[in-house]
Amino acid sequence: MKRLQRALDAGWDPDRLTSQYNAAALDKRAAEAAMAAIQPAQRLTVGDVTKMIAELGDMARVLNSAGRGDLAELYKALGLAITLRRQSNGLMSPSARVWPRSASEGEHAP
């Protein structure tokens, strides 16, 4: 209220202030309604993922026969990074990391 009173004291038009306030209040209510309508994302269970994999069929055979370039493109599209680390016994151990999508670019972080 103090800011409104200062604006009026500074010579602002009361009708213009009222219309700006009403527009801002309407925008706020619309944003709150939109946020309330958002459904939370459902987390996948192990069973969900297992079912999806089964529905894909023999994807392991297809991926095993894919070229390195095709796999790299797939991993990039999925935001998946595979890192190989040498274990103390000399064997290589793969680990995977999924990079979150950048909201502004729609791409994965490096």
Protein backbone atom coordinates (compact mmCIF):
# COMPACT_ATOMS: atom_id res chain seq x y z
CA MET A 1 0.00 0.00 0.00
CA LYS A 2 2.85 2.36 0.76
CA ARG A 3 4.22 1.95 -2.77
CA LEU A 4 0.81 2.67 -4.25
CA GLN A 5 0.47 5.76 -2.09
CA ARG A 6 3.94 6.96 -3.15
CA ALA A 7 3.02 6.40 -6.80
CA LEU A 8 -0.14 8.44 -6.36
CA ASP A 9 1.82 11.15 -4.53
CA ALA A 10 4.29 11.19 -7.43
CA GLY A 11 1.46 11.95 -9.84
CA TRP A 12 0.60 8.56 -11.30
CA ASP A 13 -2.89 8.24 -12.74
CA PRO A 14 -5.08 6.24 -10.30
CA ASP A 15 -7.00 4.58 -13.14
CA ARG A 16 -3.77 3.43 -14.79
CA LEU A 17 -2.45 2.06 -11.49
CA THR A 18 -5.73 0.20 -10.96
CA SER A 19 -5.66 -1.35 -14.42
CA GLN A 20 -2.01 -2.39 -14.02
CA TYR A 21 -2.74 -3.91 -10.63
CA ASN A 22 -5.79 -5.78 -11.95
CA ALA A 23 -3.82 -7.11 -14.94
CA ALA A 24 -1.01 -8.31 -12.66
CA ALA A 25 -3.51 -9.97 -10.30
CA LEU A 26 -5.19 -11.70 -13.25
CA ASP A 27 -1.82 -12.94 -14.56
CA LYS A 28 -0.95 -14.24 -11.10
CA ARG A 29 -4.24 -16.13 -10.77
CA ALA A 30 -3.80 -17.63 -14.25
CA ALA A 31 -0.26 -18.75 -13.41
CA GLU A 32 -1.40 -20.26 -10.11
CA ALA A 33 -4.21 -22.13 -11.89
CA ALA A 34 -1.79 -23.43 -14.52
CA MET A 35 0.64 -24.61 -11.84
CA ALA A 36 -2.16 -26.32 -9.91
CA ALA A 37 -3.18 -28.20 -13.07
CA ILE A 38 0.30 -29.68 -13.62
CA GLN A 39 0.38 -33.39 -12.87
CA PRO A 40 3.53 -34.56 -11.09
CA ALA A 41 5.75 -36.84 -13.13
CA GLN A 42 5.29 -40.49 -12.26
CA ARG A 43 8.49 -42.29 -11.32
CA LEU A 44 9.17 -45.53 -13.16
CA THR A 45 9.53 -48.68 -11.15
CA VAL A 46 11.86 -51.56 -11.97
CA GLY A 47 8.80 -53.43 -13.20
CA ASP A 48 7.87 -50.55 -15.53
CA VAL A 49 11.33 -50.51 -17.08
CA THR A 50 11.42 -54.30 -17.37
CA LYS A 51 8.05 -54.25 -19.14
CA MET A 52 9.24 -51.55 -21.56
CA ILE A 53 12.37 -53.54 -22.37
CA ALA A 54 10.32 -56.68 -22.98
CA GLU A 55 8.06 -54.71 -25.33
CA LEU A 56 11.10 -53.65 -27.37
CA GLY A 57 11.81 -57.25 -28.30
CA ASP A 58 15.34 -58.45 -28.99
CA MET A 59 16.88 -55.01 -28.60
CA ALA A 60 20.09 -56.47 -27.14
CA ARG A 61 20.82 -58.24 -30.44
CA VAL A 62 20.12 -55.06 -32.39
CA LEU A 63 22.33 -52.93 -30.12
CA ASN A 64 25.13 -55.53 -30.16
CA SER A 65 25.19 -55.40 -33.96
CA ALA A 66 24.99 -51.57 -34.16
CA GLY A 67 27.98 -49.56 -35.31
CA ARG A 68 29.90 -47.31 -32.95
CA GLY A 69 28.62 -44.17 -34.69
CA ASP A 70 25.02 -45.33 -34.35
CA LEU A 71 25.51 -46.12 -30.68
CA ALA A 72 27.19 -42.76 -30.06
CA GLU A 73 24.23 -41.01 -31.69
CA LEU A 74 21.79 -43.05 -29.60
CA TYR A 75 23.69 -42.38 -26.37
CA LYS A 76 23.76 -38.67 -27.14
CA ALA A 77 20.02 -38.60 -27.85
CA LEU A 78 19.38 -40.39 -24.54
CA GLY A 79 21.83 -38.19 -22.64
CA LEU A 80 23.80 -41.29 -21.72
CA ALA A 81 27.53 -41.26 -21.10
CA ILE A 82 29.47 -44.51 -20.77
CA THR A 83 32.77 -44.34 -18.94
CA LEU A 84 35.29 -47.19 -18.80
CA ARG A 85 37.47 -47.47 -15.71
CA ARG A 86 40.32 -49.90 -15.26
CA GLN A 87 39.88 -52.07 -12.18
CA SER A 88 42.74 -53.21 -9.98
CA ASN A 89 42.61 -56.63 -11.72
CA GLY A 90 43.20 -54.95 -15.09
CA LEU A 91 39.66 -55.44 -16.42
CA MET A 92 37.64 -52.50 -17.71
CA SER A 93 34.49 -51.63 -15.80
CA PRO A 94 31.79 -49.61 -17.58
CA SER A 95 29.64 -47.11 -15.73
CA ALA A 96 26.76 -45.12 -17.14
CA ARG A 97 25.49 -41.67 -16.33
CA VAL A 98 22.39 -39.95 -17.65
CA TRP A 99 22.81 -36.22 -18.14
CA PRO A 100 19.79 -33.99 -17.46
CA ARG A 101 18.32 -32.06 -20.36
CA SER A 102 18.93 -28.35 -20.50
CA ALA A 103 15.53 -26.67 -20.35
CA SER A 104 16.61 -23.82 -22.61
CA GLU A 105 18.37 -25.83 -25.30
CA GLY A 106 16.57 -29.16 -25.16
CA GLU A 107 19.95 -30.90 -25.19
CA HIS A 108 21.95 -32.81 -22.66
CA ALA A 109 24.80 -31.35 -20.65
CA PRO A 110 28.28 -32.54 -21.62
